[in-house]
Amino acid sequence: MSISNKELPWFFSEVEWILERKKPIEEESAYASDFLNANRSKLSKDEIKKNYVLEGTEGNVSLQDLFKGRNQLIVCHFMFDPSWEQGCPHCSLGADKVSDDYINYMHDRETTFVYVSRAPLTKLEAYKNQKGWSFPWYSSYGSDFNYDFKATTEEGEKAGVSIFIRDGNSIYRVIQKVS
């Protein structure tokens, strides 16, 4: 079962409004995290059964690993095609606002926040260092992750957010918004 606009119309209209107005990423994620904490048992959810392998600075990691032991995971889909030398300028503008204080703020809310892009990790790390960013960024290069979550389509790369919750060893997607 997946979430529909009929089940939570006020929430989706708020998320769409926020994304359309390009609010700072901190406000979007904090709102989503607080909403999840307050409404965890009421959300419809899609169980993720596929074993995704992403690459990070610590090596290959699973979707479960991205949670870092927390109950919630916010994945920002950052547009960075493997053939590109730099990431999307619009996605970069949002990433500029993600500080270590913000990451810790999310951790205090039992939420892990990461970026995922399809470019190889070497390109992501080079761009991240050039921009002076310190947030966690993972490569989905060679996996179906971006395709399955509609961040990569036949038309190309798309920005968006996927939000997951963890219940023991089970992972559920509760929100997905790509544009």
N, C-alpha and C. Protein backbone atom coordinates (compact mmCIF):
# COMPACT_ATOMS: atom_id res chain seq x y z
N MET A 1 0.85 -1.18 0.00
CA MET A 1 0.00 0.00 0.00
C MET A 1 0.90 1.24 0.00
N SER A 2 0.54 2.24 -0.73
CA SER A 2 1.32 3.47 -0.76
C SER A 2 0.46 4.64 -0.33
N ILE A 3 1.12 5.72 0.00
CA ILE A 3 0.44 6.92 0.44
C ILE A 3 -0.25 7.56 -0.75
N SER A 4 -1.44 8.03 -0.56
CA SER A 4 -2.14 8.74 -1.63
C SER A 4 -2.53 10.12 -1.13
N ASN A 5 -2.78 11.00 -2.07
CA ASN A 5 -3.21 12.35 -1.70
C ASN A 5 -4.52 12.32 -0.93
N LYS A 6 -5.35 11.29 -1.14
CA LYS A 6 -6.62 11.20 -0.43
C LYS A 6 -6.41 10.88 1.04
N GLU A 7 -5.35 10.14 1.36
CA GLU A 7 -5.11 9.75 2.74
C GLU A 7 -4.56 10.91 3.58
N LEU A 8 -3.68 11.70 3.00
CA LEU A 8 -3.04 12.78 3.74
C LEU A 8 -2.96 14.05 2.88
N PRO A 9 -4.10 14.57 2.41
CA PRO A 9 -4.02 15.68 1.46
C PRO A 9 -3.37 16.92 2.04
N TRP A 10 -3.59 17.20 3.30
CA TRP A 10 -2.99 18.42 3.86
C TRP A 10 -1.48 18.29 3.94
N PHE A 11 -0.96 17.11 4.20
CA PHE A 11 0.49 16.96 4.29
C PHE A 11 1.13 17.07 2.91
N PHE A 12 0.57 16.39 1.93
CA PHE A 12 1.17 16.44 0.61
C PHE A 12 1.08 17.83 0.01
N SER A 13 0.00 18.52 0.23
CA SER A 13 -0.08 19.86 -0.32
C SER A 13 0.96 20.75 0.34
N GLU A 14 1.23 20.54 1.62
CA GLU A 14 2.25 21.32 2.32
C GLU A 14 3.65 20.99 1.78
N VAL A 15 3.95 19.69 1.60
CA VAL A 15 5.25 19.31 1.06
C VAL A 15 5.42 19.87 -0.35
N GLU A 16 4.37 19.73 -1.17
CA GLU A 16 4.47 20.26 -2.53
C GLU A 16 4.68 21.78 -2.51
N TRP A 17 3.98 22.46 -1.62
CA TRP A 17 4.15 23.91 -1.51
C TRP A 17 5.59 24.24 -1.12
N ILE A 18 6.11 23.53 -0.15
CA ILE A 18 7.48 23.78 0.29
C ILE A 18 8.47 23.55 -0.85
N LEU A 19 8.32 22.41 -1.53
CA LEU A 19 9.25 22.11 -2.62
C LEU A 19 9.13 23.10 -3.76
N GLU A 20 7.91 23.50 -4.08
CA GLU A 20 7.71 24.46 -5.17
C GLU A 20 8.32 25.82 -4.84
N ARG A 21 8.27 26.20 -3.61
CA ARG A 21 8.79 27.51 -3.21
C ARG A 21 10.29 27.46 -2.89
N LYS A 22 10.86 26.22 -2.98
CA LYS A 22 12.30 26.03 -2.77
C LYS A 22 12.76 26.57 -1.42
N LYS A 23 12.01 26.19 -0.39
CA LYS A 23 12.40 26.55 0.98
C LYS A 23 13.75 25.92 1.29
N PRO A 24 14.47 26.47 2.26
CA PRO A 24 15.75 25.86 2.64
C PRO A 24 15.55 24.39 3.04
N ILE A 25 16.52 23.59 2.67
CA ILE A 25 16.43 22.15 2.89
C ILE A 25 16.26 21.81 4.37
N GLU A 26 16.79 22.62 5.26
CA GLU A 26 16.65 22.35 6.69
C GLU A 26 15.19 22.37 7.12
N GLU A 27 14.44 23.35 6.63
CA GLU A 27 13.03 23.47 7.00
C GLU A 27 12.23 22.30 6.45
N GLU A 28 12.50 21.91 5.21
CA GLU A 28 11.77 20.79 4.61
C GLU A 28 12.00 19.51 5.42
N SER A 29 13.26 19.24 5.70
CA SER A 29 13.60 17.99 6.37
C SER A 29 13.14 17.98 7.82
N ALA A 30 13.29 19.09 8.52
CA ALA A 30 12.85 19.16 9.91
C ALA A 30 11.34 18.98 9.99
N TYR A 31 10.62 19.59 9.07
CA TYR A 31 9.16 19.44 9.03
C TYR A 31 8.80 17.98 8.82
N ALA A 32 9.45 17.35 7.84
CA ALA A 32 9.16 15.94 7.54
C ALA A 32 9.52 15.06 8.72
N SER A 33 10.66 15.30 9.35
CA SER A 33 11.07 14.50 10.50
C SER A 33 10.09 14.63 11.65
N ASP A 34 9.70 15.85 11.97
CA ASP A 34 8.74 16.06 13.06
C ASP A 34 7.39 15.44 12.73
N PHE A 35 6.98 15.54 11.47
CA PHE A 35 5.72 14.92 11.05
C PHE A 35 5.80 13.41 11.22
N LEU A 36 6.91 12.81 10.79
CA LEU A 36 7.05 11.36 10.92
C LEU A 36 7.03 10.93 12.38
N ASN A 37 7.74 11.65 13.22
CA ASN A 37 7.76 11.31 14.64
C ASN A 37 6.35 11.35 15.23
N ALA A 38 5.56 12.33 14.85
CA ALA A 38 4.23 12.50 15.41
C ALA A 38 3.20 11.55 14.81
N ASN A 39 3.42 11.11 13.58
CA ASN A 39 2.39 10.34 12.86
C ASN A 39 2.86 8.98 12.36
N ARG A 40 3.93 8.47 12.92
CA ARG A 40 4.54 7.22 12.47
C ARG A 40 3.52 6.09 12.31
N SER A 41 2.65 5.90 13.25
CA SER A 41 1.72 4.76 13.20
C SER A 41 0.57 4.97 12.21
N LYS A 42 0.34 6.21 11.77
CA LYS A 42 -0.77 6.50 10.87
C LYS A 42 -0.39 6.46 9.39
N LEU A 43 0.90 6.45 9.09
CA LEU A 43 1.35 6.54 7.71
C LEU A 43 1.19 5.23 6.96
N SER A 44 0.75 5.33 5.72
CA SER A 44 0.80 4.18 4.83
C SER A 44 2.26 4.02 4.43
N LYS A 45 2.65 2.79 4.15
CA LYS A 45 4.05 2.60 3.85
C LYS A 45 4.26 1.44 2.88
N ASP A 46 5.31 1.58 2.07
CA ASP A 46 5.72 0.54 1.13
C ASP A 46 6.98 -0.11 1.68
N GLU A 47 6.92 -1.41 1.92
CA GLU A 47 8.11 -2.10 2.41
C GLU A 47 9.13 -2.22 1.28
N ILE A 48 10.38 -1.94 1.60
CA ILE A 48 11.48 -2.05 0.64
C ILE A 48 12.11 -3.42 0.86
N LYS A 49 11.98 -4.27 -0.12
CA LYS A 49 12.51 -5.63 0.01
C LYS A 49 13.80 -5.82 -0.79
N LYS A 50 14.05 -4.91 -1.73
CA LYS A 50 15.24 -5.04 -2.57
C LYS A 50 16.47 -4.68 -1.76
N ASN A 51 17.54 -5.38 -2.00
CA ASN A 51 18.80 -5.15 -1.31
C ASN A 51 19.65 -4.16 -2.11
N TYR A 52 19.55 -2.89 -1.81
CA TYR A 52 20.32 -1.88 -2.53
C TYR A 52 21.72 -1.79 -1.95
N VAL A 53 22.71 -1.63 -2.83
CA VAL A 53 24.08 -1.40 -2.40
C VAL A 53 24.52 -0.06 -2.97
N LEU A 54 24.89 0.84 -2.08
CA LEU A 54 25.39 2.16 -2.45
C LEU A 54 26.85 2.24 -2.03
N GLU A 55 27.56 3.22 -2.56
CA GLU A 55 28.96 3.39 -2.18
C GLU A 55 29.15 4.70 -1.45
N GLY A 56 29.82 4.62 -0.30
CA GLY A 56 30.17 5.80 0.48
C GLY A 56 31.64 5.78 0.80
N THR A 57 32.10 6.77 1.52
CA THR A 57 33.52 6.83 1.87
C THR A 57 33.94 5.64 2.73
N GLU A 58 32.96 5.01 3.40
CA GLU A 58 33.25 3.84 4.23
C GLU A 58 33.15 2.53 3.46
N GLY A 59 32.93 2.61 2.14
CA GLY A 59 32.80 1.43 1.30
C GLY A 59 31.35 1.20 0.89
N ASN A 60 31.04 -0.03 0.52
CA ASN A 60 29.68 -0.37 0.12
C ASN A 60 28.78 -0.44 1.34
N VAL A 61 27.58 0.13 1.20
CA VAL A 61 26.61 0.15 2.30
C VAL A 61 25.23 -0.22 1.76
N SER A 62 24.42 -0.77 2.64
CA SER A 62 23.04 -1.10 2.29
C SER A 62 22.14 0.07 2.68
N LEU A 63 20.90 0.02 2.24
CA LEU A 63 19.93 1.03 2.66
C LEU A 63 19.79 1.01 4.18
N GLN A 64 19.78 -0.19 4.76
CA GLN A 64 19.70 -0.34 6.22
C GLN A 64 20.88 0.38 6.90
N ASP A 65 22.08 0.26 6.31
CA ASP A 65 23.27 0.91 6.88
C ASP A 65 23.13 2.43 6.92
N LEU A 66 22.42 3.00 5.94
CA LEU A 66 22.29 4.46 5.88
C LEU A 66 21.57 5.03 7.09
N PHE A 67 20.73 4.24 7.73
CA PHE A 67 20.01 4.70 8.91
C PHE A 67 20.96 5.01 10.08
N LYS A 68 22.12 4.37 10.10
CA LYS A 68 23.10 4.55 11.18
C LYS A 68 22.47 4.29 12.55
N GLY A 69 21.56 3.31 12.60
CA GLY A 69 20.92 2.93 13.86
C GLY A 69 19.72 3.77 14.24
N ARG A 70 19.42 4.80 13.46
CA ARG A 70 18.27 5.65 13.76
C ARG A 70 17.00 5.05 13.13
N ASN A 71 15.85 5.62 13.48
CA ASN A 71 14.58 5.08 13.00
C ASN A 71 14.09 5.70 11.70
N GLN A 72 14.62 6.84 11.33
CA GLN A 72 14.16 7.54 10.13
C GLN A 72 15.35 7.91 9.26
N LEU A 73 15.09 7.94 7.95
CA LEU A 73 16.12 8.28 6.98
C LEU A 73 15.52 9.20 5.93
N ILE A 74 16.16 10.33 5.72
CA ILE A 74 15.77 11.25 4.65
C ILE A 74 16.87 11.21 3.59
N VAL A 75 16.49 10.80 2.38
CA VAL A 75 17.41 10.76 1.25
C VAL A 75 17.03 11.89 0.30
N CYS A 76 17.95 12.81 0.11
CA CYS A 76 17.77 13.85 -0.90
C CYS A 76 18.42 13.35 -2.19
N HIS A 77 17.64 13.29 -3.24
CA HIS A 77 18.14 12.86 -4.54
C HIS A 77 18.76 14.08 -5.23
N PHE A 78 20.08 14.10 -5.27
CA PHE A 78 20.86 15.19 -5.84
C PHE A 78 21.17 14.83 -7.30
N MET A 79 20.79 15.69 -8.23
CA MET A 79 20.99 15.41 -9.64
C MET A 79 22.47 15.52 -10.01
N PHE A 80 23.05 14.37 -10.36
CA PHE A 80 24.45 14.32 -10.78
C PHE A 80 24.61 13.07 -11.65
N ASP A 81 24.42 13.24 -12.95
CA ASP A 81 24.54 12.16 -13.91
C ASP A 81 26.00 11.69 -13.96
N PRO A 82 26.25 10.40 -14.19
CA PRO A 82 27.63 9.92 -14.26
C PRO A 82 28.48 10.62 -15.33
N SER A 83 27.86 11.14 -16.38
CA SER A 83 28.62 11.80 -17.45
C SER A 83 28.95 13.26 -17.13
N TRP A 84 28.34 13.81 -16.09
CA TRP A 84 28.58 15.21 -15.73
C TRP A 84 29.86 15.36 -14.93
N GLU A 85 30.47 16.52 -15.05
CA GLU A 85 31.67 16.83 -14.25
C GLU A 85 31.32 17.57 -12.96
N GLN A 86 30.12 18.16 -12.92
CA GLN A 86 29.66 18.87 -11.73
C GLN A 86 28.20 18.52 -11.47
N GLY A 87 27.79 18.73 -10.23
CA GLY A 87 26.40 18.48 -9.87
C GLY A 87 25.49 19.59 -10.34
N CYS A 88 24.21 19.35 -10.24
CA CYS A 88 23.18 20.31 -10.61
C CYS A 88 23.34 21.60 -9.81
N PRO A 89 23.32 22.76 -10.47
CA PRO A 89 23.45 24.03 -9.74
C PRO A 89 22.32 24.25 -8.73
N HIS A 90 21.10 23.88 -9.09
CA HIS A 90 19.98 24.07 -8.15
C HIS A 90 20.13 23.16 -6.93
N CYS A 91 20.50 21.91 -7.16
CA CYS A 91 20.72 20.99 -6.03
C CYS A 91 21.88 21.50 -5.16
N SER A 92 22.88 22.07 -5.81
CA SER A 92 24.04 22.60 -5.08
C SER A 92 23.63 23.76 -4.18
N LEU A 93 22.71 24.58 -4.65
CA LEU A 93 22.23 25.70 -3.85
C LEU A 93 21.59 25.19 -2.55
N GLY A 94 20.78 24.14 -2.66
CA GLY A 94 20.18 23.56 -1.47
C GLY A 94 21.21 22.92 -0.57
N ALA A 95 22.19 22.24 -1.16
CA ALA A 95 23.23 21.57 -0.37
C ALA A 95 24.10 22.57 0.38
N ASP A 96 24.25 23.77 -0.18
CA ASP A 96 25.04 24.81 0.50
C ASP A 96 24.48 25.13 1.89
N LYS A 97 23.22 24.85 2.12
CA LYS A 97 22.57 25.19 3.38
C LYS A 97 22.69 24.09 4.44
N VAL A 98 23.23 22.93 4.06
CA VAL A 98 23.31 21.80 4.99
C VAL A 98 24.62 21.89 5.77
N SER A 99 24.51 22.18 7.06
CA SER A 99 25.68 22.33 7.92
C SER A 99 25.80 21.13 8.86
N ASP A 100 26.94 21.06 9.53
CA ASP A 100 27.12 20.02 10.56
C ASP A 100 26.10 20.19 11.67
N ASP A 101 25.78 21.44 12.02
CA ASP A 101 24.77 21.68 13.05
C ASP A 101 23.42 21.13 12.62
N TYR A 102 23.12 21.28 11.35
CA TYR A 102 21.85 20.76 10.83
C TYR A 102 21.82 19.23 10.90
N ILE A 103 22.92 18.59 10.50
CA ILE A 103 22.99 17.12 10.56
C ILE A 103 22.79 16.66 12.00
N ASN A 104 23.42 17.33 12.95
CA ASN A 104 23.26 16.98 14.37
C ASN A 104 21.83 17.24 14.84
N TYR A 105 21.22 18.29 14.37
CA TYR A 105 19.83 18.61 14.69
C TYR A 105 18.92 17.46 14.25
N MET A 106 19.17 16.95 13.06
CA MET A 106 18.38 15.81 12.56
C MET A 106 18.64 14.56 13.40
N HIS A 107 19.89 14.34 13.77
CA HIS A 107 20.22 13.18 14.61
C HIS A 107 19.45 13.24 15.93
N ASP A 108 19.32 14.43 16.50
CA ASP A 108 18.57 14.60 17.74
C ASP A 108 17.10 14.23 17.56
N ARG A 109 16.63 14.22 16.34
CA ARG A 109 15.25 13.85 16.01
C ARG A 109 15.17 12.41 15.50
N GLU A 110 16.20 11.62 15.81
CA GLU A 110 16.23 10.20 15.45
C GLU A 110 16.15 10.00 13.93
N THR A 111 16.77 10.96 13.20
CA THR A 111 16.70 10.96 11.74
C THR A 111 18.10 11.11 11.15
N THR A 112 18.40 10.29 10.16
CA THR A 112 19.64 10.42 9.41
C THR A 112 19.31 11.10 8.09
N PHE A 113 20.15 12.04 7.69
CA PHE A 113 19.97 12.81 6.47
C PHE A 113 21.17 12.55 5.56
N VAL A 114 20.90 12.13 4.31
CA VAL A 114 21.99 11.87 3.36
C VAL A 114 21.57 12.36 1.97
N TYR A 115 22.57 12.55 1.15
CA TYR A 115 22.36 12.77 -0.28
C TYR A 115 22.74 11.50 -1.02
N VAL A 116 22.04 11.23 -2.12
CA VAL A 116 22.37 10.12 -3.00
C VAL A 116 22.33 10.63 -4.44
N SER A 117 23.35 10.28 -5.20
CA SER A 117 23.43 10.64 -6.62
C SER A 117 23.91 9.44 -7.41
N ARG A 118 23.68 9.50 -8.71
CA ARG A 118 24.04 8.38 -9.58
C ARG A 118 25.48 8.44 -10.06
N ALA A 119 26.15 9.57 -9.96
CA ALA A 119 27.54 9.67 -10.39
C ALA A 119 28.43 8.80 -9.51
N PRO A 120 29.58 8.36 -10.04
CA PRO A 120 30.52 7.57 -9.22
C PRO A 120 31.00 8.37 -8.02
N LEU A 121 31.34 7.66 -6.95
CA LEU A 121 31.75 8.30 -5.70
C LEU A 121 32.94 9.24 -5.90
N THR A 122 33.89 8.89 -6.78
CA THR A 122 35.05 9.76 -6.98
C THR A 122 34.62 11.15 -7.46
N LYS A 123 33.62 11.21 -8.34
CA LYS A 123 33.11 12.51 -8.81
C LYS A 123 32.38 13.24 -7.69
N LEU A 124 31.58 12.50 -6.92
CA LEU A 124 30.84 13.13 -5.83
C LEU A 124 31.79 13.72 -4.80
N GLU A 125 32.79 12.96 -4.43
CA GLU A 125 33.75 13.42 -3.41
C GLU A 125 34.56 14.61 -3.91
N ALA A 126 34.96 14.60 -5.18
CA ALA A 126 35.71 15.73 -5.74
C ALA A 126 34.85 16.99 -5.71
N TYR A 127 33.59 16.88 -6.10
CA TYR A 127 32.69 18.03 -6.12
C TYR A 127 32.39 18.48 -4.69
N LYS A 128 32.18 17.54 -3.80
CA LYS A 128 31.92 17.86 -2.39
C LYS A 128 33.10 18.62 -1.78
N ASN A 129 34.31 18.18 -2.06
CA ASN A 129 35.50 18.87 -1.55
C ASN A 129 35.65 20.26 -2.15
N GLN A 130 35.36 20.37 -3.44
CA GLN A 130 35.42 21.67 -4.12
C GLN A 130 34.45 22.66 -3.47
N LYS A 131 33.27 22.18 -3.10
CA LYS A 131 32.24 23.03 -2.51
C LYS A 131 32.41 23.21 -0.99
N GLY A 132 33.26 22.42 -0.36
CA GLY A 132 33.48 22.54 1.08
C GLY A 132 32.37 21.92 1.92
N TRP A 133 31.67 20.94 1.38
CA TRP A 133 30.58 20.30 2.11
C TRP A 133 31.09 19.15 2.97
N SER A 134 30.37 18.84 4.05
CA SER A 134 30.78 17.73 4.92
C SER A 134 29.68 16.70 5.15
N PHE A 135 28.50 16.91 4.58
CA PHE A 135 27.39 15.97 4.79
C PHE A 135 27.67 14.62 4.12
N PRO A 136 26.98 13.58 4.56
CA PRO A 136 27.15 12.26 3.93
C PRO A 136 26.51 12.22 2.54
N TRP A 137 27.28 11.71 1.57
CA TRP A 137 26.83 11.65 0.17
C TRP A 137 27.21 10.29 -0.38
N TYR A 138 26.24 9.59 -0.92
CA TYR A 138 26.44 8.23 -1.40
C TYR A 138 26.17 8.14 -2.89
N SER A 139 26.90 7.22 -3.53
CA SER A 139 26.74 6.98 -4.96
C SER A 139 25.87 5.75 -5.17
N SER A 140 24.90 5.88 -6.06
CA SER A 140 24.07 4.75 -6.45
C SER A 140 24.52 4.20 -7.81
N TYR A 141 25.70 4.61 -8.24
CA TYR A 141 26.24 4.21 -9.54
C TYR A 141 26.24 2.68 -9.65
N GLY A 142 25.66 2.17 -10.75
CA GLY A 142 25.64 0.73 -10.97
C GLY A 142 24.50 0.01 -10.27
N SER A 143 23.65 0.74 -9.56
CA SER A 143 22.51 0.09 -8.90
C SER A 143 21.20 0.64 -9.49
N ASP A 144 20.12 0.02 -9.10
CA ASP A 144 18.79 0.45 -9.56
C ASP A 144 18.18 1.52 -8.66
N PHE A 145 18.86 1.93 -7.63
CA PHE A 145 18.29 2.80 -6.61
C PHE A 145 17.63 4.04 -7.21
N ASN A 146 18.37 4.82 -7.99
CA ASN A 146 17.80 6.05 -8.55
C ASN A 146 16.63 5.77 -9.48
N TYR A 147 16.73 4.71 -10.24
CA TYR A 147 15.64 4.35 -11.16
C TYR A 147 14.40 3.92 -10.39
N ASP A 148 14.59 3.08 -9.38
CA ASP A 148 13.45 2.57 -8.60
C ASP A 148 12.73 3.67 -7.84
N PHE A 149 13.46 4.70 -7.43
CA PHE A 149 12.85 5.80 -6.68
C PHE A 149 12.59 7.02 -7.56
N LYS A 150 12.60 6.80 -8.87
CA LYS A 150 12.21 7.80 -9.88
C LYS A 150 13.09 9.05 -9.89
N ALA A 151 14.31 8.94 -9.34
CA ALA A 151 15.25 10.05 -9.39
C ALA A 151 16.01 10.07 -10.71
N THR A 152 15.96 8.96 -11.45
CA THR A 152 16.49 8.88 -12.80
C THR A 152 15.42 8.23 -13.66
N THR A 153 15.07 8.90 -14.75
CA THR A 153 14.06 8.38 -15.68
C THR A 153 14.62 8.47 -17.10
N GLU A 154 13.83 8.10 -18.07
CA GLU A 154 14.25 8.23 -19.47
C GLU A 154 14.55 9.68 -19.83
N GLU A 155 13.90 10.61 -19.14
CA GLU A 155 14.13 12.04 -19.40
C GLU A 155 15.40 12.55 -18.73
N GLY A 156 15.99 11.78 -17.84
CA GLY A 156 17.22 12.20 -17.16
C GLY A 156 17.09 12.20 -15.65
N GLU A 157 17.93 13.00 -15.03
CA GLU A 157 17.99 13.08 -13.57
C GLU A 157 16.88 13.97 -13.04
N LYS A 158 16.41 13.65 -11.84
CA LYS A 158 15.38 14.45 -11.17
C LYS A 158 15.77 14.64 -9.72
N ALA A 159 15.48 15.81 -9.20
CA ALA A 159 15.71 16.09 -7.78
C ALA A 159 14.51 15.61 -6.99
N GLY A 160 14.71 15.34 -5.74
CA GLY A 160 13.58 14.93 -4.91
C GLY A 160 14.01 14.45 -3.54
N VAL A 161 13.04 13.92 -2.84
CA VAL A 161 13.25 13.43 -1.48
C VAL A 161 12.51 12.11 -1.32
N SER A 162 13.17 11.14 -0.72
CA SER A 162 12.53 9.89 -0.31
C SER A 162 12.75 9.76 1.19
N ILE A 163 11.68 9.45 1.90
CA ILE A 163 11.77 9.33 3.35
C ILE A 163 11.40 7.90 3.73
N PHE A 164 12.24 7.31 4.57
CA PHE A 164 12.08 5.93 4.98
C PHE A 164 12.00 5.86 6.51
N ILE A 165 11.30 4.84 7.00
CA ILE A 165 11.32 4.53 8.42
C ILE A 165 11.77 3.08 8.55
N ARG A 166 12.32 2.78 9.71
CA ARG A 166 12.83 1.45 9.98
C ARG A 166 12.06 0.88 11.16
N ASP A 167 11.68 -0.37 11.03
CA ASP A 167 11.03 -1.10 12.11
C ASP A 167 11.78 -2.41 12.24
N GLY A 168 12.72 -2.47 13.18
CA GLY A 168 13.60 -3.63 13.27
C GLY A 168 14.45 -3.71 12.02
N ASN A 169 14.38 -4.84 11.33
CA ASN A 169 15.14 -5.00 10.09
C ASN A 169 14.33 -4.66 8.85
N SER A 170 13.09 -4.25 9.03
CA SER A 170 12.23 -3.89 7.90
C SER A 170 12.33 -2.39 7.64
N ILE A 171 12.37 -2.05 6.35
CA ILE A 171 12.45 -0.65 5.92
C ILE A 171 11.21 -0.34 5.08
N TYR A 172 10.64 0.83 5.34
CA TYR A 172 9.45 1.26 4.62
C TYR A 172 9.66 2.65 4.07
N ARG A 173 9.27 2.85 2.80
CA ARG A 173 9.24 4.20 2.24
C ARG A 173 7.89 4.78 2.60
N VAL A 174 7.90 5.98 3.19
CA VAL A 174 6.65 6.61 3.58
C VAL A 174 6.35 7.87 2.78
N ILE A 175 7.37 8.48 2.22
CA ILE A 175 7.20 9.68 1.42
C ILE A 175 8.16 9.59 0.23
N GLN A 176 7.67 9.98 -0.93
CA GLN A 176 8.55 10.14 -2.08
C GLN A 176 8.04 11.30 -2.91
N LYS A 177 8.93 12.23 -3.20
CA LYS A 177 8.58 13.40 -4.01
C LYS A 177 9.76 13.69 -4.91
N VAL A 178 9.57 13.55 -6.20
CA VAL A 178 10.59 13.94 -7.17
C VAL A 178 9.96 14.92 -8.15
N SER A 179 10.79 15.82 -8.66
CA SER A 179 10.25 16.81 -9.59
C SER A 179 11.07 16.85 -10.86
